[in-house]
All heavy atoms as atom14 arrays in JSON, in Angstrom:
{
  "sequence": "IASAGIYVLPQHPTQRVVKVGLHTSGRDLDPERDDRIVTDAETRIMRH",
  "atom14_mask": [
    [1, 1, 1, 1, 1, 1, 1, 1, 0, 0, 0, 0, 0, 0],
    [1, 1, 1, 1, 1, 0, 0, 0, 0, 0, 0, 0, 0, 0],
    [1, 1, 1, 1, 1, 1, 0, 0, 0, 0, 0, 0, 0, 0],
    [1, 1, 1, 1, 1, 0, 0, 0, 0, 0, 0, 0, 0, 0],
    [1, 1, 1, 1, 0, 0, 0, 0, 0, 0, 0, 0, 0, 0],
    [1, 1, 1, 1, 1, 1, 1, 1, 0, 0, 0, 0, 0, 0],
    [1, 1, 1, 1, 1, 1, 1, 1, 1, 1, 1, 1, 0, 0],
    [1, 1, 1, 1, 1, 1, 1, 0, 0, 0, 0, 0, 0, 0],
    [1, 1, 1, 1, 1, 1, 1, 1, 0, 0, 0, 0, 0, 0],
    [1, 1, 1, 1, 1, 1, 1, 0, 0, 0, 0, 0, 0, 0],
    [1, 1, 1, 1, 1, 1, 1, 1, 1, 0, 0, 0, 0, 0],
    [1, 1, 1, 1, 1, 1, 1, 1, 1, 1, 0, 0, 0, 0],
    [1, 1, 1, 1, 1, 1, 1, 0, 0, 0, 0, 0, 0, 0],
    [1, 1, 1, 1, 1, 1, 1, 0, 0, 0, 0, 0, 0, 0],
    [1, 1, 1, 1, 1, 1, 1, 1, 1, 0, 0, 0, 0, 0],
    [1, 1, 1, 1, 1, 1, 1, 1, 1, 1, 1, 0, 0, 0],
    [1, 1, 1, 1, 1, 1, 1, 0, 0, 0, 0, 0, 0, 0],
    [1, 1, 1, 1, 1, 1, 1, 0, 0, 0, 0, 0, 0, 0],
    [1, 1, 1, 1, 1, 1, 1, 1, 1, 0, 0, 0, 0, 0],
    [1, 1, 1, 1, 1, 1, 1, 0, 0, 0, 0, 0, 0, 0],
    [1, 1, 1, 1, 0, 0, 0, 0, 0, 0, 0, 0, 0, 0],
    [1, 1, 1, 1, 1, 1, 1, 1, 0, 0, 0, 0, 0, 0],
    [1, 1, 1, 1, 1, 1, 1, 1, 1, 1, 0, 0, 0, 0],
    [1, 1, 1, 1, 1, 1, 1, 0, 0, 0, 0, 0, 0, 0],
    [1, 1, 1, 1, 1, 1, 0, 0, 0, 0, 0, 0, 0, 0],
    [1, 1, 1, 1, 0, 0, 0, 0, 0, 0, 0, 0, 0, 0],
    [1, 1, 1, 1, 1, 1, 1, 1, 1, 1, 1, 0, 0, 0],
    [1, 1, 1, 1, 1, 1, 1, 1, 0, 0, 0, 0, 0, 0],
    [1, 1, 1, 1, 1, 1, 1, 1, 0, 0, 0, 0, 0, 0],
    [1, 1, 1, 1, 1, 1, 1, 1, 0, 0, 0, 0, 0, 0],
    [1, 1, 1, 1, 1, 1, 1, 0, 0, 0, 0, 0, 0, 0],
    [1, 1, 1, 1, 1, 1, 1, 1, 1, 0, 0, 0, 0, 0],
    [1, 1, 1, 1, 1, 1, 1, 1, 1, 1, 1, 0, 0, 0],
    [1, 1, 1, 1, 1, 1, 1, 1, 0, 0, 0, 0, 0, 0],
    [1, 1, 1, 1, 1, 1, 1, 1, 0, 0, 0, 0, 0, 0],
    [1, 1, 1, 1, 1, 1, 1, 1, 1, 1, 1, 0, 0, 0],
    [1, 1, 1, 1, 1, 1, 1, 1, 0, 0, 0, 0, 0, 0],
    [1, 1, 1, 1, 1, 1, 1, 0, 0, 0, 0, 0, 0, 0],
    [1, 1, 1, 1, 1, 1, 1, 0, 0, 0, 0, 0, 0, 0],
    [1, 1, 1, 1, 1, 1, 1, 1, 0, 0, 0, 0, 0, 0],
    [1, 1, 1, 1, 1, 0, 0, 0, 0, 0, 0, 0, 0, 0],
    [1, 1, 1, 1, 1, 1, 1, 1, 1, 0, 0, 0, 0, 0],
    [1, 1, 1, 1, 1, 1, 1, 0, 0, 0, 0, 0, 0, 0],
    [1, 1, 1, 1, 1, 1, 1, 1, 1, 1, 1, 0, 0, 0],
    [1, 1, 1, 1, 1, 1, 1, 1, 0, 0, 0, 0, 0, 0],
    [1, 1, 1, 1, 1, 1, 1, 1, 0, 0, 0, 0, 0, 0],
    [1, 1, 1, 1, 1, 1, 1, 1, 1, 1, 1, 0, 0, 0],
    [1, 1, 1, 1, 1, 1, 1, 1, 1, 1, 0, 0, 0, 0]
  ],
  "atom14_positions": [
    [[0.81, -1.22, 0.0], [0.0, 0.0, 0.0], [0.84, 1.27, 0.0], [0.47, 2.28, -0.63], [-0.99, -0.01, 1.19], [-2.07, 1.08, 1.03], [-0.26, 0.1, 2.51], [-3.03, 0.83, -0.09], [0.0, 0.0, 0.0], [0.0, 0.0, 0.0], [0.0, 0.0, 0.0], [0.0, 0.0, 0.0], [0.0, 0.0, 0.0], [0.0, 0.0, 0.0]],
    [[1.98, 1.27, 0.66], [2.78, 2.49, 0.73], [3.57, 2.76, -0.54], [3.98, 3.9, -0.79], [3.72, 2.42, 1.92], [0.0, 0.0, 0.0], [0.0, 0.0, 0.0], [0.0, 0.0, 0.0], [0.0, 0.0, 0.0], [0.0, 0.0, 0.0], [0.0, 0.0, 0.0], [0.0, 0.0, 0.0], [0.0, 0.0, 0.0], [0.0, 0.0, 0.0]],
    [[3.78, 1.74, -1.37], [4.55, 1.9, -2.6], [3.73, 1.77, -3.86], [4.07, 2.33, -4.9], [5.7, 0.88, -2.65], [6.58, 1.06, -1.56], [0.0, 0.0, 0.0], [0.0, 0.0, 0.0], [0.0, 0.0, 0.0], [0.0, 0.0, 0.0], [0.0, 0.0, 0.0], [0.0, 0.0, 0.0], [0.0, 0.0, 0.0], [0.0, 0.0, 0.0]],
    [[2.65, 0.99, -3.79], [1.79, 0.8, -4.97], [0.43, 1.45, -4.79], [-0.23, 1.79, -5.78], [1.61, -0.7, -5.26], [0.0, 0.0, 0.0], [0.0, 0.0, 0.0], [0.0, 0.0, 0.0], [0.0, 0.0, 0.0], [0.0, 0.0, 0.0], [0.0, 0.0, 0.0], [0.0, 0.0, 0.0], [0.0, 0.0, 0.0], [0.0, 0.0, 0.0]],
    [[-0.02, 1.6, -3.55], [-1.26, 2.31, -3.28], [-2.52, 1.62, -3.75], [-3.51, 2.28, -4.06], [0.0, 0.0, 0.0], [0.0, 0.0, 0.0], [0.0, 0.0, 0.0], [0.0, 0.0, 0.0], [0.0, 0.0, 0.0], [0.0, 0.0, 0.0], [0.0, 0.0, 0.0], [0.0, 0.0, 0.0], [0.0, 0.0, 0.0], [0.0, 0.0, 0.0]],
    [[-2.53, 0.28, -3.82], [-3.71, -0.39, -4.35], [-4.36, -1.28, -3.29], [-3.7, -1.82, -2.41], [-3.39, -1.23, -5.61], [-2.25, -2.21, -5.36], [-3.05, -0.3, -6.77], [-1.95, -3.09, -6.56], [0.0, 0.0, 0.0], [0.0, 0.0, 0.0], [0.0, 0.0, 0.0], [0.0, 0.0, 0.0], [0.0, 0.0, 0.0], [0.0, 0.0, 0.0]],
    [[-5.69, -1.4, -3.41], [-6.45, -2.25, -2.51], [-7.54, -2.95, -3.31], [-7.93, -2.51, -4.39], [-7.05, -1.44, -1.35], [-7.99, -0.34, -1.78], [-9.36, -0.57, -1.92], [-7.52, 0.95, -2.04], [-10.24, 0.44, -2.31], [-8.38, 1.96, -2.44], [-9.74, 1.7, -2.57], [-10.59, 2.7, -2.95], [0.0, 0.0, 0.0], [0.0, 0.0, 0.0]],
    [[-8.03, -4.07, -2.76], [-9.04, -4.89, -3.43], [-10.08, -5.29, -2.4], [-9.73, -5.68, -1.29], [-8.44, -6.17, -4.05], [-9.45, -6.86, -4.95], [-7.14, -5.89, -4.78], [0.0, 0.0, 0.0], [0.0, 0.0, 0.0], [0.0, 0.0, 0.0], [0.0, 0.0, 0.0], [0.0, 0.0, 0.0], [0.0, 0.0, 0.0], [0.0, 0.0, 0.0]],
    [[-11.35, -5.23, -2.77], [-12.42, -5.77, -1.94], [-12.99, -7.0, -2.63], [-12.98, -7.1, -3.86], [-13.53, -4.74, -1.72], [-13.22, -3.65, -0.68], [-12.36, -2.56, -1.3], [-14.5, -3.04, -0.12], [0.0, 0.0, 0.0], [0.0, 0.0, 0.0], [0.0, 0.0, 0.0], [0.0, 0.0, 0.0], [0.0, 0.0, 0.0], [0.0, 0.0, 0.0]],
    [[-13.5, -7.96, -1.86], [-14.03, -9.18, -2.46], [-15.24, -8.92, -3.36], [-15.81, -7.83, -3.38], [-14.44, -10.02, -1.24], [-13.7, -9.44, -0.09], [-13.56, -7.98, -0.4], [0.0, 0.0, 0.0], [0.0, 0.0, 0.0], [0.0, 0.0, 0.0], [0.0, 0.0, 0.0], [0.0, 0.0, 0.0], [0.0, 0.0, 0.0], [0.0, 0.0, 0.0]],
    [[-15.62, -9.95, -4.1], [-16.83, -9.91, -4.9], [-17.99, -9.42, -4.04], [-18.25, -9.95, -2.96], [-17.13, -11.31, -5.45], [-18.44, -11.45, -6.21], [-18.28, -11.16, -7.69], [-17.25, -10.66, -8.12], [-19.28, -11.49, -8.48], [0.0, 0.0, 0.0], [0.0, 0.0, 0.0], [0.0, 0.0, 0.0], [0.0, 0.0, 0.0], [0.0, 0.0, 0.0]],
    [[-18.67, -8.37, -4.51], [-19.76, -7.78, -3.73], [-20.97, -8.72, -3.73], [-21.31, -9.29, -4.78], [-20.14, -6.42, -4.31], [-21.01, -5.61, -3.42], [-22.38, -5.76, -3.38], [-20.72, -4.63, -2.52], [-22.89, -4.91, -2.51], [-21.91, -4.22, -1.97], [0.0, 0.0, 0.0], [0.0, 0.0, 0.0], [0.0, 0.0, 0.0], [0.0, 0.0, 0.0]],
    [[-21.64, -8.89, -2.59], [-22.72, -9.87, -2.51], [-23.94, -9.59, -3.38], [-24.66, -10.51, -3.76], [-23.1, -9.86, -1.02], [-22.63, -8.54, -0.51], [-21.4, -8.22, -1.29], [0.0, 0.0, 0.0], [0.0, 0.0, 0.0], [0.0, 0.0, 0.0], [0.0, 0.0, 0.0], [0.0, 0.0, 0.0], [0.0, 0.0, 0.0], [0.0, 0.0, 0.0]],
    [[-24.18, -8.32, -3.71], [-25.35, -8.01, -4.56], [-24.96, -7.38, -5.89], [-25.61, -7.62, -6.9], [-26.31, -7.06, -3.82], [-25.62, -5.85, -3.48], [-26.86, -7.72, -2.56], [0.0, 0.0, 0.0], [0.0, 0.0, 0.0], [0.0, 0.0, 0.0], [0.0, 0.0, 0.0], [0.0, 0.0, 0.0], [0.0, 0.0, 0.0], [0.0, 0.0, 0.0]],
    [[-23.9, -6.58, -5.92], [-23.5, -5.91, -7.15], [-22.68, -6.79, -8.07], [-22.51, -6.48, -9.25], [-22.7, -4.64, -6.81], [-23.47, -3.64, -5.98], [-24.73, -3.14, -6.66], [-24.69, -2.79, -7.84], [-25.83, -3.1, -5.93], [0.0, 0.0, 0.0], [0.0, 0.0, 0.0], [0.0, 0.0, 0.0], [0.0, 0.0, 0.0], [0.0, 0.0, 0.0]],
    [[-22.14, -7.87, -7.55], [-21.42, -8.88, -8.35], [-20.24, -8.29, -9.09], [-20.0, -8.6, -10.26], [-22.37, -9.56, -9.34], [-23.63, -10.13, -8.72], [-23.32, -11.17, -7.64], [-24.53, -11.73, -7.07], [-24.54, -12.52, -6.0], [-23.42, -12.81, -5.38], [-25.67, -13.0, -5.52], [0.0, 0.0, 0.0], [0.0, 0.0, 0.0], [0.0, 0.0, 0.0]],
    [[-19.49, -7.47, -8.41], [-18.26, -6.91, -8.97], [-17.17, -6.96, -7.9], [-17.46, -7.02, -6.7], [-18.43, -5.45, -9.46], [-19.36, -5.39, -10.67], [-18.93, -4.55, -8.34], [0.0, 0.0, 0.0], [0.0, 0.0, 0.0], [0.0, 0.0, 0.0], [0.0, 0.0, 0.0], [0.0, 0.0, 0.0], [0.0, 0.0, 0.0], [0.0, 0.0, 0.0]],
    [[-15.92, -6.92, -8.35], [-14.77, -6.77, -7.46], [-14.35, -5.31, -7.52], [-14.06, -4.78, -8.59], [-13.61, -7.69, -7.9], [-12.35, -7.4, -7.08], [-14.01, -9.16, -7.77], [0.0, 0.0, 0.0], [0.0, 0.0, 0.0], [0.0, 0.0, 0.0], [0.0, 0.0, 0.0], [0.0, 0.0, 0.0], [0.0, 0.0, 0.0], [0.0, 0.0, 0.0]],
    [[-14.32, -4.67, -6.37], [-13.95, -3.26, -6.32], [-12.45, -3.14, -6.04], [-11.92, -3.78, -5.13], [-14.75, -2.54, -5.23], [-14.31, -1.09, -5.01], [-15.1, -0.44, -3.89], [-14.44, 0.85, -3.43], [-15.19, 1.51, -2.34], [0.0, 0.0, 0.0], [0.0, 0.0, 0.0], [0.0, 0.0, 0.0], [0.0, 0.0, 0.0], [0.0, 0.0, 0.0]],
    [[-11.78, -2.29, -6.83], [-10.36, -2.01, -6.61], [-10.18, -0.49, -6.64], [-11.01, 0.23, -7.2], [-9.46, -2.67, -7.66], [-9.71, -4.17, -7.73], [-9.65, -2.05, -9.04], [0.0, 0.0, 0.0], [0.0, 0.0, 0.0], [0.0, 0.0, 0.0], [0.0, 0.0, 0.0], [0.0, 0.0, 0.0], [0.0, 0.0, 0.0], [0.0, 0.0, 0.0]],
    [[-9.1, -0.03, -6.04], [-8.88, 1.41, -6.04], [-7.43, 1.76, -5.8], [-6.61, 0.92, -5.4], [0.0, 0.0, 0.0], [0.0, 0.0, 0.0], [0.0, 0.0, 0.0], [0.0, 0.0, 0.0], [0.0, 0.0, 0.0], [0.0, 0.0, 0.0], [0.0, 0.0, 0.0], [0.0, 0.0, 0.0], [0.0, 0.0, 0.0], [0.0, 0.0, 0.0]],
    [[-7.12, 3.02, -6.05], [-5.82, 3.59, -5.76], [-5.96, 4.53, -4.57], [-6.86, 5.36, -4.54], [-5.28, 4.37, -6.96], [-5.05, 3.59, -8.26], [-4.61, 4.54, -9.38], [-4.0, 2.5, -8.06], [0.0, 0.0, 0.0], [0.0, 0.0, 0.0], [0.0, 0.0, 0.0], [0.0, 0.0, 0.0], [0.0, 0.0, 0.0], [0.0, 0.0, 0.0]],
    [[-5.07, 4.38, -3.6], [-5.07, 5.26, -2.41], [-3.73, 5.97, -2.38], [-2.73, 5.43, -1.93], [-5.28, 4.43, -1.15], [-5.27, 5.24, 0.11], [-6.31, 6.06, 0.47], [-4.34, 5.37, 1.09], [-6.03, 6.64, 1.63], [-4.83, 6.25, 2.02], [0.0, 0.0, 0.0], [0.0, 0.0, 0.0], [0.0, 0.0, 0.0], [0.0, 0.0, 0.0]],
    [[-3.72, 7.2, -2.91], [-2.49, 7.97, -3.03], [-2.76, 9.41, -2.59], [-3.77, 9.7, -1.95], [-2.0, 7.97, -4.49], [-2.9, 8.71, -5.31], [-1.87, 6.55, -5.02], [0.0, 0.0, 0.0], [0.0, 0.0, 0.0], [0.0, 0.0, 0.0], [0.0, 0.0, 0.0], [0.0, 0.0, 0.0], [0.0, 0.0, 0.0], [0.0, 0.0, 0.0]],
    [[-1.87, 10.31, -2.98], [-2.09, 11.73, -2.68], [-3.27, 12.27, -3.47], [-3.84, 13.3, -3.12], [-0.84, 12.54, -3.01], [-0.52, 12.4, -4.38], [0.0, 0.0, 0.0], [0.0, 0.0, 0.0], [0.0, 0.0, 0.0], [0.0, 0.0, 0.0], [0.0, 0.0, 0.0], [0.0, 0.0, 0.0], [0.0, 0.0, 0.0], [0.0, 0.0, 0.0]],
    [[-3.67, 11.6, -4.54], [-4.82, 12.0, -5.33], [-4.56, 13.24, -6.15], [-3.46, 13.76, -6.23], [0.0, 0.0, 0.0], [0.0, 0.0, 0.0], [0.0, 0.0, 0.0], [0.0, 0.0, 0.0], [0.0, 0.0, 0.0], [0.0, 0.0, 0.0], [0.0, 0.0, 0.0], [0.0, 0.0, 0.0], [0.0, 0.0, 0.0], [0.0, 0.0, 0.0]],
    [[-5.63, 13.69, -6.8], [-5.55, 14.94, -7.57], [-6.51, 15.95, -6.98], [-7.59, 15.62, -6.51], [-5.85, 14.7, -9.04], [-7.16, 13.99, -9.37], [-7.35, 13.96, -10.87], [-8.2, 12.89, -11.36], [-9.4, 13.07, -11.92], [-9.92, 14.28, -12.01], [-10.09, 12.04, -12.38], [0.0, 0.0, 0.0], [0.0, 0.0, 0.0], [0.0, 0.0, 0.0]],
    [[-6.08, 17.21, -6.98], [-6.91, 18.27, -6.44], [-8.2, 18.4, -7.26], [-8.16, 18.35, -8.49], [-6.17, 19.6, -6.46], [-5.01, 19.63, -5.47], [-5.2, 19.12, -4.35], [-3.94, 20.13, -5.83], [0.0, 0.0, 0.0], [0.0, 0.0, 0.0], [0.0, 0.0, 0.0], [0.0, 0.0, 0.0], [0.0, 0.0, 0.0], [0.0, 0.0, 0.0]],
    [[-9.31, 18.56, -6.54], [-10.61, 18.7, -7.2], [-11.41, 19.81, -6.55], [-11.4, 19.95, -5.32], [-11.42, 17.4, -7.09], [-11.15, 16.27, -8.08], [-12.11, 15.12, -7.79], [-11.33, 16.74, -9.51], [0.0, 0.0, 0.0], [0.0, 0.0, 0.0], [0.0, 0.0, 0.0], [0.0, 0.0, 0.0], [0.0, 0.0, 0.0], [0.0, 0.0, 0.0]],
    [[-12.1, 20.57, -7.36], [-13.11, 21.49, -6.85], [-14.43, 20.71, -6.83], [-14.9, 20.26, -7.88], [-13.24, 22.71, -7.76], [-14.21, 23.74, -7.22], [-15.39, 23.38, -7.01], [-13.81, 24.89, -7.01], [0.0, 0.0, 0.0], [0.0, 0.0, 0.0], [0.0, 0.0, 0.0], [0.0, 0.0, 0.0], [0.0, 0.0, 0.0], [0.0, 0.0, 0.0]],
    [[-15.03, 20.53, -5.65], [-16.23, 19.7, -5.56], [-17.39, 20.18, -6.42], [-18.23, 19.38, -6.82], [-16.6, 19.76, -4.07], [-15.35, 20.15, -3.38], [-14.62, 21.04, -4.34], [0.0, 0.0, 0.0], [0.0, 0.0, 0.0], [0.0, 0.0, 0.0], [0.0, 0.0, 0.0], [0.0, 0.0, 0.0], [0.0, 0.0, 0.0], [0.0, 0.0, 0.0]],
    [[-17.43, 21.48, -6.71], [-18.55, 22.02, -7.47], [-18.28, 22.05, -8.97], [-19.18, 21.78, -9.77], [-18.87, 23.44, -6.99], [-19.47, 23.5, -5.6], [-20.81, 22.78, -5.52], [-21.56, 22.79, -6.51], [-21.09, 22.19, -4.46], [0.0, 0.0, 0.0], [0.0, 0.0, 0.0], [0.0, 0.0, 0.0], [0.0, 0.0, 0.0], [0.0, 0.0, 0.0]],
    [[-17.06, 22.35, -9.36], [-16.81, 22.64, -10.77], [-16.13, 21.5, -11.55], [-16.36, 21.37, -12.75], [-15.96, 23.91, -10.9], [-16.69, 25.18, -10.47], [-15.9, 26.42, -10.83], [-14.73, 26.57, -9.99], [-14.74, 27.23, -8.84], [-15.86, 27.78, -8.4], [-13.65, 27.35, -8.11], [0.0, 0.0, 0.0], [0.0, 0.0, 0.0], [0.0, 0.0, 0.0]],
    [[-15.31, 20.72, -10.9], [-14.54, 19.72, -11.63], [-15.35, 18.45, -11.86], [-16.17, 18.06, -11.03], [-13.26, 19.37, -10.87], [-12.29, 20.53, -10.83], [-12.41, 21.43, -11.68], [-11.41, 20.55, -9.94], [0.0, 0.0, 0.0], [0.0, 0.0, 0.0], [0.0, 0.0, 0.0], [0.0, 0.0, 0.0], [0.0, 0.0, 0.0], [0.0, 0.0, 0.0]],
    [[-15.08, 17.79, -12.99], [-15.78, 16.53, -13.26], [-15.16, 15.41, -12.43], [-14.1, 15.54, -11.84], [-15.75, 16.19, -14.75], [-14.34, 15.92, -15.27], [-13.61, 15.13, -14.64], [-13.96, 16.5, -16.31], [0.0, 0.0, 0.0], [0.0, 0.0, 0.0], [0.0, 0.0, 0.0], [0.0, 0.0, 0.0], [0.0, 0.0, 0.0], [0.0, 0.0, 0.0]],
    [[-15.85, 14.28, -12.39], [-15.4, 13.13, -11.6], [-15.14, 11.93, -12.51], [-15.47, 10.8, -12.18], [-16.44, 12.75, -10.55], [-16.97, 13.91, -9.76], [-15.92, 14.5, -8.8], [-16.46, 15.72, -8.21], [-17.35, 15.73, -7.23], [-17.79, 14.6, -6.74], [-17.8, 16.87, -6.75], [0.0, 0.0, 0.0], [0.0, 0.0, 0.0], [0.0, 0.0, 0.0]],
    [[-14.56, 12.17, -13.64], [-14.33, 11.12, -14.61], [-12.93, 10.55, -14.42], [-11.94, 11.3, -14.38], [-14.51, 11.64, -16.05], [-15.95, 12.14, -16.24], [-14.19, 10.56, -17.06], [-16.18, 12.83, -17.56], [0.0, 0.0, 0.0], [0.0, 0.0, 0.0], [0.0, 0.0, 0.0], [0.0, 0.0, 0.0], [0.0, 0.0, 0.0], [0.0, 0.0, 0.0]],
    [[-12.83, 9.24, -14.31], [-11.53, 8.6, -14.23], [-10.81, 8.77, -15.56], [-11.37, 8.53, -16.63], [-11.69, 7.11, -13.89], [-10.35, 6.39, -13.96], [-12.32, 6.93, -12.51], [0.0, 0.0, 0.0], [0.0, 0.0, 0.0], [0.0, 0.0, 0.0], [0.0, 0.0, 0.0], [0.0, 0.0, 0.0], [0.0, 0.0, 0.0], [0.0, 0.0, 0.0]],
    [[-9.56, 9.2, -15.52], [-8.81, 9.47, -16.74], [-8.21, 8.19, -17.31], [-8.05, 7.17, -16.61], [-7.69, 10.48, -16.49], [-6.73, 9.88, -15.6], [-8.23, 11.75, -15.85], [0.0, 0.0, 0.0], [0.0, 0.0, 0.0], [0.0, 0.0, 0.0], [0.0, 0.0, 0.0], [0.0, 0.0, 0.0], [0.0, 0.0, 0.0], [0.0, 0.0, 0.0]],
    [[-7.83, 8.26, -18.57], [-7.15, 7.12, -19.2], [-5.84, 6.83, -18.47], [-5.45, 5.66, -18.31], [-6.87, 7.42, -20.67], [-8.15, 7.44, -21.51], [-9.18, 6.91, -21.03], [-8.12, 7.99, -22.63], [0.0, 0.0, 0.0], [0.0, 0.0, 0.0], [0.0, 0.0, 0.0], [0.0, 0.0, 0.0], [0.0, 0.0, 0.0], [0.0, 0.0, 0.0]],
    [[-5.14, 7.89, -18.03], [-3.87, 7.7, -17.32], [-4.09, 6.95, -16.01], [-3.3, 6.06, -15.66], [-3.22, 9.05, -17.07], [0.0, 0.0, 0.0], [0.0, 0.0, 0.0], [0.0, 0.0, 0.0], [0.0, 0.0, 0.0], [0.0, 0.0, 0.0], [0.0, 0.0, 0.0], [0.0, 0.0, 0.0], [0.0, 0.0, 0.0], [0.0, 0.0, 0.0]],
    [[-5.15, 7.29, -15.27], [-5.43, 6.6, -14.01], [-5.79, 5.14, -14.25], [-5.41, 4.26, -13.48], [-6.55, 7.33, -13.26], [-6.11, 8.68, -12.7], [-7.26, 9.56, -12.28], [-8.37, 9.42, -12.83], [-7.05, 10.42, -11.4], [0.0, 0.0, 0.0], [0.0, 0.0, 0.0], [0.0, 0.0, 0.0], [0.0, 0.0, 0.0], [0.0, 0.0, 0.0]],
    [[-6.52, 4.89, -15.33], [-6.86, 3.51, -15.67], [-5.61, 2.72, -16.02], [-5.45, 1.57, -15.6], [-7.85, 3.48, -16.84], [-9.03, 4.21, -16.5], [-8.24, 2.05, -17.19], [0.0, 0.0, 0.0], [0.0, 0.0, 0.0], [0.0, 0.0, 0.0], [0.0, 0.0, 0.0], [0.0, 0.0, 0.0], [0.0, 0.0, 0.0], [0.0, 0.0, 0.0]],
    [[-4.7, 3.33, -16.78], [-3.46, 2.64, -17.13], [-2.63, 2.34, -15.88], [-2.04, 1.26, -15.76], [-2.65, 3.49, -18.1], [-3.21, 3.53, -19.52], [-2.16, 4.03, -20.51], [-1.66, 5.36, -20.16], [-2.23, 6.5, -20.57], [-3.32, 6.46, -21.33], [-1.72, 7.68, -20.24], [0.0, 0.0, 0.0], [0.0, 0.0, 0.0], [0.0, 0.0, 0.0]],
    [[-2.58, 3.29, -14.94], [-1.84, 3.06, -13.7], [-2.45, 1.89, -12.93], [-1.73, 1.01, -12.43], [-1.82, 4.34, -12.85], [-0.93, 5.4, -13.5], [-1.33, 4.04, -11.43], [-1.0, 6.76, -12.85], [0.0, 0.0, 0.0], [0.0, 0.0, 0.0], [0.0, 0.0, 0.0], [0.0, 0.0, 0.0], [0.0, 0.0, 0.0], [0.0, 0.0, 0.0]],
    [[-3.77, 1.88, -12.82], [-4.42, 0.77, -12.11], [-4.07, -0.56, -12.77], [-3.66, -1.52, -12.08], [-5.93, 0.98, -12.11], [-6.73, -0.11, -11.38], [-7.11, -1.59, -12.39], [-8.3, -0.93, -13.56], [0.0, 0.0, 0.0], [0.0, 0.0, 0.0], [0.0, 0.0, 0.0], [0.0, 0.0, 0.0], [0.0, 0.0, 0.0], [0.0, 0.0, 0.0]],
    [[-4.17, -0.64, -14.07], [-3.89, -1.9, -14.75], [-2.42, -2.29, -14.61], [-2.08, -3.47, -14.44], [-4.3, -1.8, -16.22], [-5.83, -1.68, -16.43], [-6.21, -2.03, -17.84], [-7.63, -1.87, -18.13], [-8.58, -2.75, -17.78], [-8.25, -3.82, -17.07], [-9.84, -2.55, -18.12], [0.0, 0.0, 0.0], [0.0, 0.0, 0.0], [0.0, 0.0, 0.0]],
    [[-1.54, -1.31, -14.66], [-0.12, -1.57, -14.51], [0.2, -2.11, -13.12], [0.97, -3.07, -12.97], [0.67, -0.29, -14.77], [2.14, -0.45, -14.58], [2.95, -1.04, -15.53], [2.95, -0.09, -13.55], [4.2, -1.03, -15.09], [4.23, -0.46, -13.9], [0.0, 0.0, 0.0], [0.0, 0.0, 0.0], [0.0, 0.0, 0.0], [0.0, 0.0, 0.0]]
  ]
}
């Protein structure tokens, strides 16, 4: 977690998906104005 920043949750009992995420410094966001779309770069990092 301190070097890769990744976590995994088991198959969800009703949603039937495995949830994964990155836990890092993140990117600055304005809660009102900025979009919440995962970027291609973030997806590539997750897959890598």
